[in-house]
Amino acid sequence: MLILLASVMMGLIWLDSYLTRPDQGVIGDDYPGAGIVVRSKQLHFWLPETVRELASPLSQVQTLRDHKDLRRFLESRHQESLRYAVTTRAYQANGGHSDITFIRRPYEDPHYFQEFLDILAGSGGKLDGNTVADFLGASVHIISKERLNRSLSEMITERQVW
């Protein structure tokens, strides 16, 4: 009886170690650190047409020292709901990458205050795409007021057709 019990215990120990042993195959996307972002790059800026209007009084833009000044600037132009998007490519340790689009709300979020000032300074009131792209190092896409008024599902469907 003791030998049988010892044999069963040894079998269970072997089975447990076999089932919980890490895979020793080819390293894939599941190895530790595979999805860690090692660097990122801004690819696209999606700006509404209203940025042209905001950038035209450039002297006032240059006097914006902090987020409170920006809030007052946007309030005076009734642009509290202004938003733009940034598509960023994140390069991963495993050699892959992923593109993520972030929606920025400059009135609400002070974290991207300098980025928004750079956009305004880069556009200088003439938002032709090349000026801002040269300044920011990313391609710039102007979103018309008509497109901004569409529902999110319509915009996603339209983008899939592009």
N, C-alpha and C. Protein backbone atom coordinates (compact mmCIF):
# COMPACT_ATOMS: atom_id res chain seq x y z
N MET A 1 0.81 -1.18 0.00
CA MET A 1 0.00 0.00 0.00
C MET A 1 0.87 1.26 0.00
N LEU A 2 1.94 1.25 0.76
CA LEU A 2 2.85 2.39 0.84
C LEU A 2 3.54 2.64 -0.51
N ILE A 3 3.92 1.57 -1.19
CA ILE A 3 4.56 1.70 -2.50
C ILE A 3 3.57 2.26 -3.52
N LEU A 4 2.34 1.81 -3.46
CA LEU A 4 1.32 2.34 -4.38
C LEU A 4 1.08 3.82 -4.13
N LEU A 5 0.98 4.21 -2.86
CA LEU A 5 0.77 5.61 -2.51
C LEU A 5 1.96 6.47 -2.96
N ALA A 6 3.20 5.98 -2.79
CA ALA A 6 4.39 6.71 -3.21
C ALA A 6 4.42 6.84 -4.73
N SER A 7 4.03 5.80 -5.45
CA SER A 7 4.01 5.84 -6.92
C SER A 7 3.00 6.86 -7.42
N VAL A 8 1.82 6.91 -6.81
CA VAL A 8 0.80 7.89 -7.21
C VAL A 8 1.29 9.31 -6.94
N MET A 9 1.93 9.51 -5.77
CA MET A 9 2.45 10.85 -5.43
C MET A 9 3.52 11.28 -6.43
N MET A 10 4.42 10.39 -6.78
CA MET A 10 5.48 10.71 -7.75
C MET A 10 4.87 11.03 -9.12
N GLY A 11 3.84 10.29 -9.49
CA GLY A 11 3.17 10.55 -10.76
C GLY A 11 2.49 11.92 -10.77
N LEU A 12 1.86 12.28 -9.67
CA LEU A 12 1.21 13.59 -9.57
C LEU A 12 2.23 14.73 -9.59
N ILE A 13 3.36 14.53 -8.92
CA ILE A 13 4.41 15.56 -8.93
C ILE A 13 4.95 15.73 -10.34
N TRP A 14 5.22 14.60 -11.03
CA TRP A 14 5.72 14.71 -12.40
C TRP A 14 4.70 15.39 -13.30
N LEU A 15 3.41 15.03 -13.18
CA LEU A 15 2.36 15.62 -13.99
C LEU A 15 2.23 17.11 -13.73
N ASP A 16 2.32 17.51 -12.48
CA ASP A 16 2.23 18.93 -12.12
C ASP A 16 3.39 19.71 -12.73
N SER A 17 4.60 19.18 -12.64
CA SER A 17 5.75 19.90 -13.21
C SER A 17 5.68 19.94 -14.73
N TYR A 18 5.12 18.92 -15.35
CA TYR A 18 5.00 18.89 -16.80
C TYR A 18 3.96 19.90 -17.28
N LEU A 19 2.84 20.00 -16.58
CA LEU A 19 1.77 20.90 -17.00
C LEU A 19 2.08 22.36 -16.74
N THR A 20 2.88 22.65 -15.73
CA THR A 20 3.18 24.05 -15.40
C THR A 20 4.52 24.51 -15.94
N ARG A 21 5.22 23.68 -16.68
CA ARG A 21 6.51 24.05 -17.24
C ARG A 21 6.33 25.10 -18.33
N PRO A 22 7.15 26.16 -18.34
CA PRO A 22 7.03 27.17 -19.40
C PRO A 22 7.37 26.58 -20.76
N ASP A 23 6.73 27.15 -21.79
CA ASP A 23 6.97 26.69 -23.16
C ASP A 23 8.42 26.94 -23.54
N GLN A 24 9.02 25.95 -24.14
CA GLN A 24 10.41 26.09 -24.54
C GLN A 24 10.55 26.11 -26.05
N GLY A 25 9.48 26.56 -26.71
CA GLY A 25 9.49 26.64 -28.16
C GLY A 25 10.12 27.95 -28.61
N VAL A 26 9.81 28.34 -29.83
CA VAL A 26 10.31 29.57 -30.41
C VAL A 26 9.71 30.76 -29.68
N ILE A 27 10.54 31.76 -29.44
CA ILE A 27 10.06 32.97 -28.76
C ILE A 27 9.09 33.70 -29.69
N GLY A 28 7.94 34.01 -29.17
CA GLY A 28 6.93 34.71 -29.95
C GLY A 28 6.58 36.02 -29.29
N ASP A 29 5.36 36.45 -29.49
CA ASP A 29 4.91 37.71 -28.92
C ASP A 29 4.62 37.61 -27.44
N ASP A 30 4.68 36.41 -26.87
CA ASP A 30 4.31 36.23 -25.48
C ASP A 30 5.49 36.27 -24.52
N TYR A 31 6.70 36.48 -25.00
CA TYR A 31 7.82 36.50 -24.06
C TYR A 31 7.77 37.78 -23.23
N PRO A 32 8.34 37.76 -22.04
CA PRO A 32 8.27 38.94 -21.17
C PRO A 32 8.86 40.18 -21.84
N GLY A 33 8.12 41.24 -21.81
CA GLY A 33 8.59 42.50 -22.40
C GLY A 33 8.26 42.66 -23.86
N ALA A 34 7.55 41.71 -24.47
CA ALA A 34 7.28 41.77 -25.90
C ALA A 34 6.48 43.00 -26.30
N GLY A 35 5.54 43.40 -25.48
CA GLY A 35 4.69 44.52 -25.83
C GLY A 35 5.14 45.85 -25.25
N ILE A 36 6.33 45.89 -24.66
CA ILE A 36 6.83 47.13 -24.05
C ILE A 36 7.17 48.12 -25.16
N VAL A 37 6.71 49.33 -25.00
CA VAL A 37 6.97 50.39 -25.98
C VAL A 37 8.37 50.95 -25.72
N VAL A 38 9.21 50.91 -26.74
CA VAL A 38 10.57 51.41 -26.59
C VAL A 38 10.73 52.83 -27.14
N ARG A 39 9.86 53.22 -28.05
CA ARG A 39 9.85 54.60 -28.55
C ARG A 39 8.52 54.84 -29.26
N SER A 40 8.20 56.09 -29.43
CA SER A 40 6.96 56.42 -30.13
C SER A 40 7.19 57.63 -31.02
N LYS A 41 6.32 57.76 -32.00
CA LYS A 41 6.44 58.85 -32.97
C LYS A 41 5.05 59.31 -33.34
N GLN A 42 4.85 60.61 -33.42
CA GLN A 42 3.57 61.14 -33.84
C GLN A 42 3.51 61.09 -35.36
N LEU A 43 2.45 60.43 -35.87
CA LEU A 43 2.31 60.26 -37.32
C LEU A 43 1.37 61.27 -37.94
N HIS A 44 0.23 61.52 -37.28
CA HIS A 44 -0.80 62.36 -37.87
C HIS A 44 -1.39 63.30 -36.82
N PHE A 45 -1.71 64.49 -37.27
CA PHE A 45 -2.51 65.43 -36.49
C PHE A 45 -3.80 65.65 -37.28
N TRP A 46 -4.92 65.48 -36.62
CA TRP A 46 -6.24 65.67 -37.22
C TRP A 46 -6.80 66.95 -36.60
N LEU A 47 -6.74 68.05 -37.36
CA LEU A 47 -7.09 69.36 -36.82
C LEU A 47 -8.37 69.90 -37.45
N PRO A 48 -9.24 70.49 -36.63
CA PRO A 48 -10.43 71.13 -37.20
C PRO A 48 -10.06 72.44 -37.89
N GLU A 49 -10.91 72.84 -38.81
CA GLU A 49 -10.68 74.10 -39.52
C GLU A 49 -10.59 75.30 -38.59
N THR A 50 -11.23 75.21 -37.45
CA THR A 50 -11.24 76.35 -36.52
C THR A 50 -9.85 76.68 -35.97
N VAL A 51 -8.90 75.78 -36.11
CA VAL A 51 -7.54 76.08 -35.64
C VAL A 51 -6.96 77.23 -36.45
N ARG A 52 -7.34 77.34 -37.72
CA ARG A 52 -6.91 78.49 -38.54
C ARG A 52 -7.31 79.81 -37.89
N GLU A 53 -8.57 79.85 -37.47
CA GLU A 53 -9.08 81.07 -36.86
C GLU A 53 -8.37 81.38 -35.55
N LEU A 54 -8.05 80.36 -34.79
CA LEU A 54 -7.37 80.57 -33.51
C LEU A 54 -5.92 81.01 -33.71
N ALA A 55 -5.29 80.52 -34.77
CA ALA A 55 -3.89 80.83 -35.00
C ALA A 55 -3.68 82.18 -35.66
N SER A 56 -4.72 82.75 -36.25
CA SER A 56 -4.52 84.00 -36.98
C SER A 56 -4.06 85.17 -36.10
N PRO A 57 -4.60 85.38 -34.91
CA PRO A 57 -4.03 86.45 -34.07
C PRO A 57 -2.81 85.90 -33.32
N LEU A 58 -1.73 85.66 -34.08
CA LEU A 58 -0.57 84.98 -33.54
C LEU A 58 0.05 85.71 -32.36
N SER A 59 -0.04 87.02 -32.35
CA SER A 59 0.55 87.76 -31.24
C SER A 59 -0.11 87.38 -29.92
N GLN A 60 -1.42 87.12 -29.95
CA GLN A 60 -2.10 86.70 -28.73
C GLN A 60 -1.70 85.29 -28.32
N VAL A 61 -1.46 84.42 -29.29
CA VAL A 61 -1.06 83.05 -28.98
C VAL A 61 0.28 83.06 -28.26
N GLN A 62 1.17 83.96 -28.68
CA GLN A 62 2.50 83.99 -28.07
C GLN A 62 2.45 84.46 -26.62
N THR A 63 1.37 85.11 -26.20
CA THR A 63 1.27 85.58 -24.82
C THR A 63 0.67 84.53 -23.89
N LEU A 64 0.32 83.37 -24.39
CA LEU A 64 -0.24 82.32 -23.55
C LEU A 64 0.89 81.67 -22.76
N ARG A 65 0.88 81.88 -21.45
CA ARG A 65 1.97 81.38 -20.62
C ARG A 65 1.63 80.08 -19.90
N ASP A 66 0.35 79.85 -19.66
CA ASP A 66 -0.05 78.64 -18.95
C ASP A 66 -1.44 78.21 -19.40
N HIS A 67 -1.92 77.13 -18.83
CA HIS A 67 -3.20 76.56 -19.25
C HIS A 67 -4.36 77.51 -18.93
N LYS A 68 -4.27 78.27 -17.87
CA LYS A 68 -5.34 79.22 -17.54
C LYS A 68 -5.47 80.29 -18.62
N ASP A 69 -4.33 80.75 -19.14
CA ASP A 69 -4.36 81.71 -20.25
C ASP A 69 -5.01 81.10 -21.49
N LEU A 70 -4.69 79.84 -21.75
CA LEU A 70 -5.29 79.15 -22.90
C LEU A 70 -6.80 79.02 -22.72
N ARG A 71 -7.23 78.68 -21.53
CA ARG A 71 -8.67 78.56 -21.27
C ARG A 71 -9.38 79.89 -21.53
N ARG A 72 -8.80 80.98 -21.04
CA ARG A 72 -9.40 82.30 -21.29
C ARG A 72 -9.42 82.62 -22.79
N PHE A 73 -8.33 82.28 -23.48
CA PHE A 73 -8.23 82.49 -24.92
C PHE A 73 -9.33 81.73 -25.65
N LEU A 74 -9.53 80.46 -25.31
CA LEU A 74 -10.56 79.65 -25.96
C LEU A 74 -11.97 80.12 -25.57
N GLU A 75 -12.16 80.52 -24.33
CA GLU A 75 -13.47 81.04 -23.90
C GLU A 75 -13.85 82.30 -24.67
N SER A 76 -12.89 83.18 -24.88
CA SER A 76 -13.19 84.42 -25.58
C SER A 76 -13.58 84.17 -27.04
N ARG A 77 -13.23 83.03 -27.57
CA ARG A 77 -13.58 82.66 -28.95
C ARG A 77 -14.65 81.57 -29.02
N HIS A 78 -15.25 81.25 -27.88
CA HIS A 78 -16.32 80.25 -27.79
C HIS A 78 -15.86 78.90 -28.34
N GLN A 79 -14.66 78.49 -27.98
CA GLN A 79 -14.08 77.23 -28.46
C GLN A 79 -13.78 76.26 -27.31
N GLU A 80 -14.61 76.28 -26.29
CA GLU A 80 -14.40 75.40 -25.14
C GLU A 80 -14.49 73.92 -25.52
N SER A 81 -15.25 73.61 -26.55
CA SER A 81 -15.42 72.20 -26.95
C SER A 81 -14.42 71.78 -28.04
N LEU A 82 -13.46 72.62 -28.34
CA LEU A 82 -12.48 72.31 -29.38
C LEU A 82 -11.74 71.01 -29.04
N ARG A 83 -11.57 70.19 -30.06
CA ARG A 83 -10.80 68.96 -29.89
C ARG A 83 -10.05 68.69 -31.19
N TYR A 84 -8.97 67.96 -31.04
CA TYR A 84 -8.20 67.50 -32.20
C TYR A 84 -7.68 66.11 -31.87
N ALA A 85 -7.13 65.43 -32.85
CA ALA A 85 -6.66 64.07 -32.63
C ALA A 85 -5.19 63.95 -33.05
N VAL A 86 -4.51 63.04 -32.38
CA VAL A 86 -3.11 62.75 -32.67
C VAL A 86 -2.98 61.24 -32.81
N THR A 87 -2.44 60.80 -33.95
CA THR A 87 -2.16 59.37 -34.13
C THR A 87 -0.68 59.15 -33.86
N THR A 88 -0.42 58.25 -32.92
CA THR A 88 0.94 57.96 -32.49
C THR A 88 1.26 56.51 -32.80
N ARG A 89 2.45 56.27 -33.30
CA ARG A 89 2.92 54.90 -33.54
C ARG A 89 3.86 54.53 -32.38
N ALA A 90 3.52 53.45 -31.70
CA ALA A 90 4.33 52.95 -30.59
C ALA A 90 5.13 51.75 -31.08
N TYR A 91 6.46 51.86 -31.06
CA TYR A 91 7.34 50.77 -31.48
C TYR A 91 7.64 49.91 -30.25
N GLN A 92 7.47 48.60 -30.41
CA GLN A 92 7.57 47.68 -29.28
C GLN A 92 8.89 46.92 -29.29
N ALA A 93 9.22 46.37 -28.13
CA ALA A 93 10.48 45.62 -27.97
C ALA A 93 10.54 44.39 -28.87
N ASN A 94 9.40 43.83 -29.22
CA ASN A 94 9.39 42.63 -30.06
C ASN A 94 9.49 42.96 -31.55
N GLY A 95 9.68 44.23 -31.89
CA GLY A 95 9.80 44.63 -33.29
C GLY A 95 8.49 45.04 -33.93
N GLY A 96 7.39 44.80 -33.25
CA GLY A 96 6.09 45.20 -33.77
C GLY A 96 5.79 46.66 -33.46
N HIS A 97 4.66 47.10 -33.91
CA HIS A 97 4.23 48.46 -33.59
C HIS A 97 2.70 48.50 -33.57
N SER A 98 2.19 49.52 -32.94
CA SER A 98 0.75 49.73 -32.97
C SER A 98 0.48 51.22 -33.07
N ASP A 99 -0.53 51.55 -33.83
CA ASP A 99 -0.93 52.94 -34.03
C ASP A 99 -2.16 53.20 -33.16
N ILE A 100 -2.10 54.27 -32.39
CA ILE A 100 -3.19 54.63 -31.50
C ILE A 100 -3.53 56.10 -31.75
N THR A 101 -4.82 56.37 -31.87
CA THR A 101 -5.27 57.75 -32.05
C THR A 101 -5.86 58.25 -30.74
N PHE A 102 -5.35 59.38 -30.29
CA PHE A 102 -5.80 60.00 -29.06
C PHE A 102 -6.58 61.26 -29.38
N ILE A 103 -7.66 61.49 -28.67
CA ILE A 103 -8.43 62.73 -28.81
C ILE A 103 -7.95 63.69 -27.74
N ARG A 104 -7.56 64.88 -28.16
CA ARG A 104 -7.08 65.90 -27.23
C ARG A 104 -8.16 66.97 -27.08
N ARG A 105 -8.34 67.42 -25.86
CA ARG A 105 -9.27 68.51 -25.54
C ARG A 105 -8.48 69.60 -24.83
N PRO A 106 -7.96 70.55 -25.56
CA PRO A 106 -7.05 71.53 -24.96
C PRO A 106 -7.69 72.38 -23.86
N TYR A 107 -8.99 72.59 -23.93
CA TYR A 107 -9.63 73.40 -22.90
C TYR A 107 -9.64 72.66 -21.56
N GLU A 108 -9.87 71.36 -21.60
CA GLU A 108 -10.02 70.58 -20.38
C GLU A 108 -8.71 70.02 -19.85
N ASP A 109 -7.77 69.70 -20.72
CA ASP A 109 -6.59 68.94 -20.32
C ASP A 109 -5.32 69.79 -20.39
N PRO A 110 -4.73 70.12 -19.24
CA PRO A 110 -3.51 70.94 -19.25
C PRO A 110 -2.25 70.16 -19.65
N HIS A 111 -2.32 68.83 -19.71
CA HIS A 111 -1.13 68.03 -20.00
C HIS A 111 -0.56 68.28 -21.39
N TYR A 112 -1.40 68.65 -22.33
CA TYR A 112 -0.94 68.83 -23.71
C TYR A 112 -0.98 70.30 -24.12
N PHE A 113 -0.84 71.16 -23.14
CA PHE A 113 -0.84 72.61 -23.37
C PHE A 113 0.24 72.99 -24.38
N GLN A 114 1.48 72.52 -24.17
CA GLN A 114 2.57 72.90 -25.05
C GLN A 114 2.37 72.34 -26.46
N GLU A 115 1.86 71.14 -26.56
CA GLU A 115 1.59 70.55 -27.88
C GLU A 115 0.61 71.42 -28.65
N PHE A 116 -0.45 71.88 -27.99
CA PHE A 116 -1.43 72.72 -28.66
C PHE A 116 -0.82 74.06 -29.06
N LEU A 117 0.02 74.64 -28.22
CA LEU A 117 0.70 75.88 -28.59
C LEU A 117 1.60 75.67 -29.80
N ASP A 118 2.28 74.53 -29.85
CA ASP A 118 3.13 74.22 -31.01
C ASP A 118 2.30 74.12 -32.29
N ILE A 119 1.10 73.54 -32.17
CA ILE A 119 0.22 73.44 -33.33
C ILE A 119 -0.19 74.83 -33.80
N LEU A 120 -0.57 75.69 -32.85
CA LEU A 120 -0.98 77.05 -33.22
C LEU A 120 0.19 77.82 -33.81
N ALA A 121 1.36 77.71 -33.21
CA ALA A 121 2.53 78.43 -33.72
C ALA A 121 2.95 77.88 -35.08
N GLY A 122 2.85 76.57 -35.26
CA GLY A 122 3.24 75.97 -36.53
C GLY A 122 2.31 76.32 -37.66
N SER A 123 1.04 76.51 -37.33
CA SER A 123 0.09 76.84 -38.39
C SER A 123 0.19 78.30 -38.76
N GLY A 124 0.46 79.17 -37.81
CA GLY A 124 0.64 80.58 -38.10
C GLY A 124 -0.49 81.20 -38.88
N GLY A 125 -1.68 80.66 -38.75
CA GLY A 125 -2.83 81.23 -39.43
C GLY A 125 -3.03 80.72 -40.84
N LYS A 126 -2.09 79.97 -41.38
CA LYS A 126 -2.23 79.43 -42.74
C LYS A 126 -2.02 77.93 -42.68
N LEU A 127 -3.07 77.27 -42.38
CA LEU A 127 -3.02 75.84 -42.11
C LEU A 127 -3.13 75.07 -43.42
N ASP A 128 -2.02 74.97 -44.13
CA ASP A 128 -2.05 74.28 -45.41
C ASP A 128 -1.58 72.84 -45.31
N GLY A 129 -1.23 72.40 -44.13
CA GLY A 129 -0.77 71.03 -43.96
C GLY A 129 0.74 70.93 -43.97
N ASN A 130 1.39 71.50 -44.98
CA ASN A 130 2.84 71.40 -45.06
C ASN A 130 3.53 72.21 -43.97
N THR A 131 3.02 73.39 -43.68
CA THR A 131 3.64 74.24 -42.67
C THR A 131 3.65 73.54 -41.32
N VAL A 132 2.51 73.02 -40.92
CA VAL A 132 2.42 72.34 -39.64
C VAL A 132 3.19 71.03 -39.67
N ALA A 133 3.13 70.32 -40.78
CA ALA A 133 3.85 69.04 -40.88
C ALA A 133 5.34 69.25 -40.72
N ASP A 134 5.88 70.30 -41.36
CA ASP A 134 7.31 70.58 -41.22
C ASP A 134 7.64 70.93 -39.78
N PHE A 135 6.75 71.69 -39.15
CA PHE A 135 6.99 72.15 -37.79
C PHE A 135 6.88 71.03 -36.78
N LEU A 136 5.90 70.15 -36.94
CA LEU A 136 5.64 69.11 -35.95
C LEU A 136 6.22 67.75 -36.31
N GLY A 137 6.62 67.55 -37.55
CA GLY A 137 7.19 66.26 -37.94
C GLY A 137 6.15 65.18 -38.17
N ALA A 138 4.92 65.54 -38.42
CA ALA A 138 3.86 64.57 -38.68
C ALA A 138 2.97 65.14 -39.78
N SER A 139 2.24 64.26 -40.45
CA SER A 139 1.32 64.77 -41.47
C SER A 139 0.08 65.34 -40.80
N VAL A 140 -0.45 66.37 -41.43
CA VAL A 140 -1.58 67.10 -40.86
C VAL A 140 -2.78 66.93 -41.78
N HIS A 141 -3.93 66.65 -41.17
CA HIS A 141 -5.16 66.49 -41.91
C HIS A 141 -6.16 67.49 -41.34
N ILE A 142 -6.75 68.28 -42.23
CA ILE A 142 -7.74 69.27 -41.81
C ILE A 142 -9.12 68.63 -41.87
N ILE A 143 -9.86 68.76 -40.79
CA ILE A 143 -11.21 68.21 -40.71
C ILE A 143 -12.20 69.35 -40.87
N SER A 144 -13.05 69.25 -41.86
CA SER A 144 -14.02 70.30 -42.13
C SER A 144 -15.10 70.33 -41.04
N LYS A 145 -15.77 71.46 -40.94
CA LYS A 145 -16.85 71.60 -39.95
C LYS A 145 -17.97 70.60 -40.23
N GLU A 146 -18.23 70.33 -41.49
CA GLU A 146 -19.28 69.37 -41.85
C GLU A 146 -18.93 67.97 -41.33
N ARG A 147 -17.69 67.60 -41.49
CA ARG A 147 -17.26 66.28 -41.04
C ARG A 147 -17.31 66.18 -39.51
N LEU A 148 -16.97 67.25 -38.82
CA LEU A 148 -17.01 67.25 -37.36
C LEU A 148 -18.44 67.08 -36.83
N ASN A 149 -19.42 67.52 -37.60
CA ASN A 149 -20.81 67.42 -37.16
C ASN A 149 -21.40 66.03 -37.38
N ARG A 150 -20.67 65.15 -38.03
CA ARG A 150 -21.16 63.78 -38.25
C ARG A 150 -21.05 62.97 -36.97
N SER A 151 -21.81 61.89 -36.94
CA SER A 151 -21.72 61.00 -35.78
C SER A 151 -20.42 60.21 -35.84
N LEU A 152 -20.01 59.71 -34.69
CA LEU A 152 -18.78 58.94 -34.63
C LEU A 152 -18.84 57.70 -35.53
N SER A 153 -19.97 57.01 -35.56
CA SER A 153 -20.09 55.81 -36.39
C SER A 153 -19.94 56.15 -37.88
N GLU A 154 -20.47 57.30 -38.30
CA GLU A 154 -20.32 57.71 -39.70
C GLU A 154 -18.86 58.00 -40.03
N MET A 155 -18.16 58.64 -39.09
CA MET A 155 -16.76 58.97 -39.33
C MET A 155 -15.91 57.70 -39.40
N ILE A 156 -16.19 56.73 -38.54
CA ILE A 156 -15.44 55.48 -38.56
C ILE A 156 -15.69 54.73 -39.86
N THR A 157 -16.95 54.67 -40.29
CA THR A 157 -17.28 54.00 -41.55
C THR A 157 -16.60 54.68 -42.72
N GLU A 158 -16.59 56.01 -42.72
CA GLU A 158 -15.95 56.75 -43.81
C GLU A 158 -14.46 56.50 -43.82
N ARG A 159 -13.83 56.44 -42.65
CA ARG A 159 -12.39 56.23 -42.58
C ARG A 159 -12.02 54.85 -43.10
N GLN A 160 -12.87 53.86 -42.91
CA GLN A 160 -12.58 52.52 -43.41
C GLN A 160 -12.59 52.51 -44.94
N VAL A 161 -13.30 53.41 -45.55
CA VAL A 161 -13.35 53.49 -47.01
C VAL A 161 -12.09 54.15 -47.55
N TRP A 162 -11.47 55.06 -46.76
CA TRP A 162 -10.29 55.77 -47.24
C TRP A 162 -9.30 54.78 -47.69
